[in-house]
């Protein structure tokens, strides 16, 4: 059982086993297509985790829109750097 002291004494909330288990479940609610797109993003694992958390609370259609927008922004940034 998770106790309040566990949360307040642990500076990194995401390292608590219950929280880790919860967030690992979030990833399983994403469709295969969304998981693949997410894994193909050229971002750090920390950023990928943040994106997963955002996607978990969106509808499937909004998840697609969100990732498509990330890809669009990324491609635009890469193009600007190359130019």
C-alpha atoms as a PDB file:
ATOM      1  CA  UNK A   1       0.000   0.000   0.000  1.00  0.00           C
ATOM      2  CA  UNK A   2       1.257   3.474  -0.887  1.00  0.00           C
ATOM      3  CA  UNK A   3       1.571   5.756   2.123  1.00  0.00           C
ATOM      4  CA  UNK A   4       1.796   9.530   2.184  1.00  0.00           C
ATOM      5  CA  UNK A   5       5.243   9.261   3.785  1.00  0.00           C
ATOM      6  CA  UNK A   6       6.411   7.221   0.802  1.00  0.00           C
ATOM      7  CA  UNK A   7       5.515  10.102  -1.472  1.00  0.00           C
ATOM      8  CA  UNK A   8       6.890  12.906   0.666  1.00  0.00           C
ATOM      9  CA  UNK A   9      10.121  11.087   1.546  1.00  0.00           C
ATOM     10  CA  UNK A  10      10.793  10.034  -2.029  1.00  0.00           C
ATOM     11  CA  UNK A  11      12.029  12.938  -4.119  1.00  0.00           C
ATOM     12  CA  UNK A  12      11.493  11.124  -7.407  1.00  0.00           C
ATOM     13  CA  UNK A  13       7.800  10.252  -7.390  1.00  0.00           C
ATOM     14  CA  UNK A  14       8.065   8.156 -10.555  1.00  0.00           C
ATOM     15  CA  UNK A  15      10.510   5.753  -8.896  1.00  0.00           C
ATOM     16  CA  UNK A  16       7.831   4.481  -6.486  1.00  0.00           C
ATOM     17  CA  UNK A  17       6.907   0.979  -7.641  1.00  0.00           C
ATOM     18  CA  UNK A  18       3.150   1.633  -7.678  1.00  0.00           C
ATOM     19  CA  UNK A  19       3.629   4.729  -9.797  1.00  0.00           C
ATOM     20  CA  UNK A  20       5.998   2.909 -12.173  1.00  0.00           C
ATOM     21  CA  UNK A  21       3.441   0.137 -12.563  1.00  0.00           C
ATOM     22  CA  UNK A  22       0.694   2.694 -13.277  1.00  0.00           C
ATOM     23  CA  UNK A  23       2.695   4.467 -15.960  1.00  0.00           C
ATOM     24  CA  UNK A  24       3.751   1.208 -17.565  1.00  0.00           C
ATOM     25  CA  UNK A  25       0.061   0.411 -17.976  1.00  0.00           C
ATOM     26  CA  UNK A  26      -0.551   3.720 -19.685  1.00  0.00           C
ATOM     27  CA  UNK A  27       1.746   2.668 -22.483  1.00  0.00           C
ATOM     28  CA  UNK A  28      -0.322  -0.457 -23.086  1.00  0.00           C
ATOM     29  CA  UNK A  29      -3.453   1.579 -23.826  1.00  0.00           C
ATOM     30  CA  UNK A  30      -1.780   3.192 -26.815  1.00  0.00           C
ATOM     31  CA  UNK A  31      -2.437   1.530 -30.123  1.00  0.00           C
ATOM     32  CA  UNK A  32       0.353  -0.295 -31.931  1.00  0.00           C
ATOM     33  CA  UNK A  33       0.475   2.468 -34.544  1.00  0.00           C
ATOM     34  CA  UNK A  34       0.857   5.168 -31.886  1.00  0.00           C
ATOM     35  CA  UNK A  35       3.497   3.176 -29.973  1.00  0.00           C
ATOM     36  CA  UNK A  36       5.511   2.715 -33.165  1.00  0.00           C
ATOM     37  CA  UNK A  37       5.316   6.405 -34.046  1.00  0.00           C
ATOM     38  CA  UNK A  38       6.325   7.302 -30.533  1.00  0.00           C
ATOM     39  CA  UNK A  39       9.287   4.931 -30.607  1.00  0.00           C
ATOM     40  CA  UNK A  40      10.407   6.396 -33.946  1.00  0.00           C
ATOM     41  CA  UNK A  41      10.580   9.921 -32.579  1.00  0.00           C
ATOM     42  CA  UNK A  42      14.160  11.064 -32.218  1.00  0.00           C
ATOM     43  CA  UNK A  43      13.814  12.184 -28.592  1.00  0.00           C
ATOM     44  CA  UNK A  44      15.279  11.206 -25.248  1.00  0.00           C
ATOM     45  CA  UNK A  45      13.649   8.507 -23.151  1.00  0.00           C
ATOM     46  CA  UNK A  46      12.669  11.167 -20.622  1.00  0.00           C
ATOM     47  CA  UNK A  47      10.873  13.170 -23.314  1.00  0.00           C
ATOM     48  CA  UNK A  48       9.240  10.005 -24.627  1.00  0.00           C
ATOM     49  CA  UNK A  49       7.861   9.313 -21.133  1.00  0.00           C
ATOM     50  CA  UNK A  50       6.402  12.799 -20.953  1.00  0.00           C
ATOM     51  CA  UNK A  51       4.764  12.344 -24.343  1.00  0.00           C
ATOM     52  CA  UNK A  52       3.335   8.963 -23.266  1.00  0.00           C
ATOM     53  CA  UNK A  53       1.737  10.588 -20.255  1.00  0.00           C
ATOM     54  CA  UNK A  54       0.168  13.260 -22.432  1.00  0.00           C
ATOM     55  CA  UNK A  55      -1.077  10.742 -24.985  1.00  0.00           C
ATOM     56  CA  UNK A  56      -2.608   8.482 -22.363  1.00  0.00           C
ATOM     57  CA  UNK A  57      -5.352  10.957 -21.606  1.00  0.00           C
ATOM     58  CA  UNK A  58      -6.274  11.707 -25.208  1.00  0.00           C
ATOM     59  CA  UNK A  59      -8.665   9.936 -27.527  1.00  0.00           C
ATOM     60  CA  UNK A  60      -7.119   7.821 -30.289  1.00  0.00           C
ATOM     61  CA  UNK A  61      -7.811  10.518 -32.849  1.00  0.00           C
ATOM     62  CA  UNK A  62      -6.241  13.210 -30.681  1.00  0.00           C
ATOM     63  CA  UNK A  63      -3.229  10.952 -30.070  1.00  0.00           C
ATOM     64  CA  UNK A  64      -2.679  10.764 -33.824  1.00  0.00           C
ATOM     65  CA  UNK A  65      -3.065  14.522 -34.203  1.00  0.00           C
ATOM     66  CA  UNK A  66      -0.635  15.147 -31.341  1.00  0.00           C
ATOM     67  CA  UNK A  67       2.057  12.894 -32.797  1.00  0.00           C
ATOM     68  CA  UNK A  68       1.549  14.197 -36.318  1.00  0.00           C
ATOM     69  CA  UNK A  69       2.059  17.715 -35.008  1.00  0.00           C
ATOM     70  CA  UNK A  70       5.220  16.657 -33.167  1.00  0.00           C
ATOM     71  CA  UNK A  71       6.563  15.111 -36.373  1.00  0.00           C
ATOM     72  CA  UNK A  72       5.682  18.251 -38.324  1.00  0.00           C
ATOM     73  CA  UNK A  73       7.465  20.490 -35.820  1.00  0.00           C
ATOM     74  CA  UNK A  74      10.473  18.185 -35.649  1.00  0.00           C
ATOM     75  CA  UNK A  75      10.818  18.039 -39.443  1.00  0.00           C
ATOM     76  CA  UNK A  76      10.547  21.803 -39.668  1.00  0.00           C
ATOM     77  CA  UNK A  77      13.249  22.267 -37.041  1.00  0.00           C
ATOM     78  CA  UNK A  78      15.546  19.785 -38.737  1.00  0.00           C
ATOM     79  CA  UNK A  79      15.034  21.543 -42.073  1.00  0.00           C
ATOM     80  CA  UNK A  80      15.823  24.932 -40.506  1.00  0.00           C
ATOM     81  CA  UNK A  81      19.017  23.584 -38.954  1.00  0.00           C
ATOM     82  CA  UNK A  82      20.177  22.119 -42.281  1.00  0.00           C
ATOM     83  CA  UNK A  83      19.543  25.381 -44.149  1.00  0.00           C
END
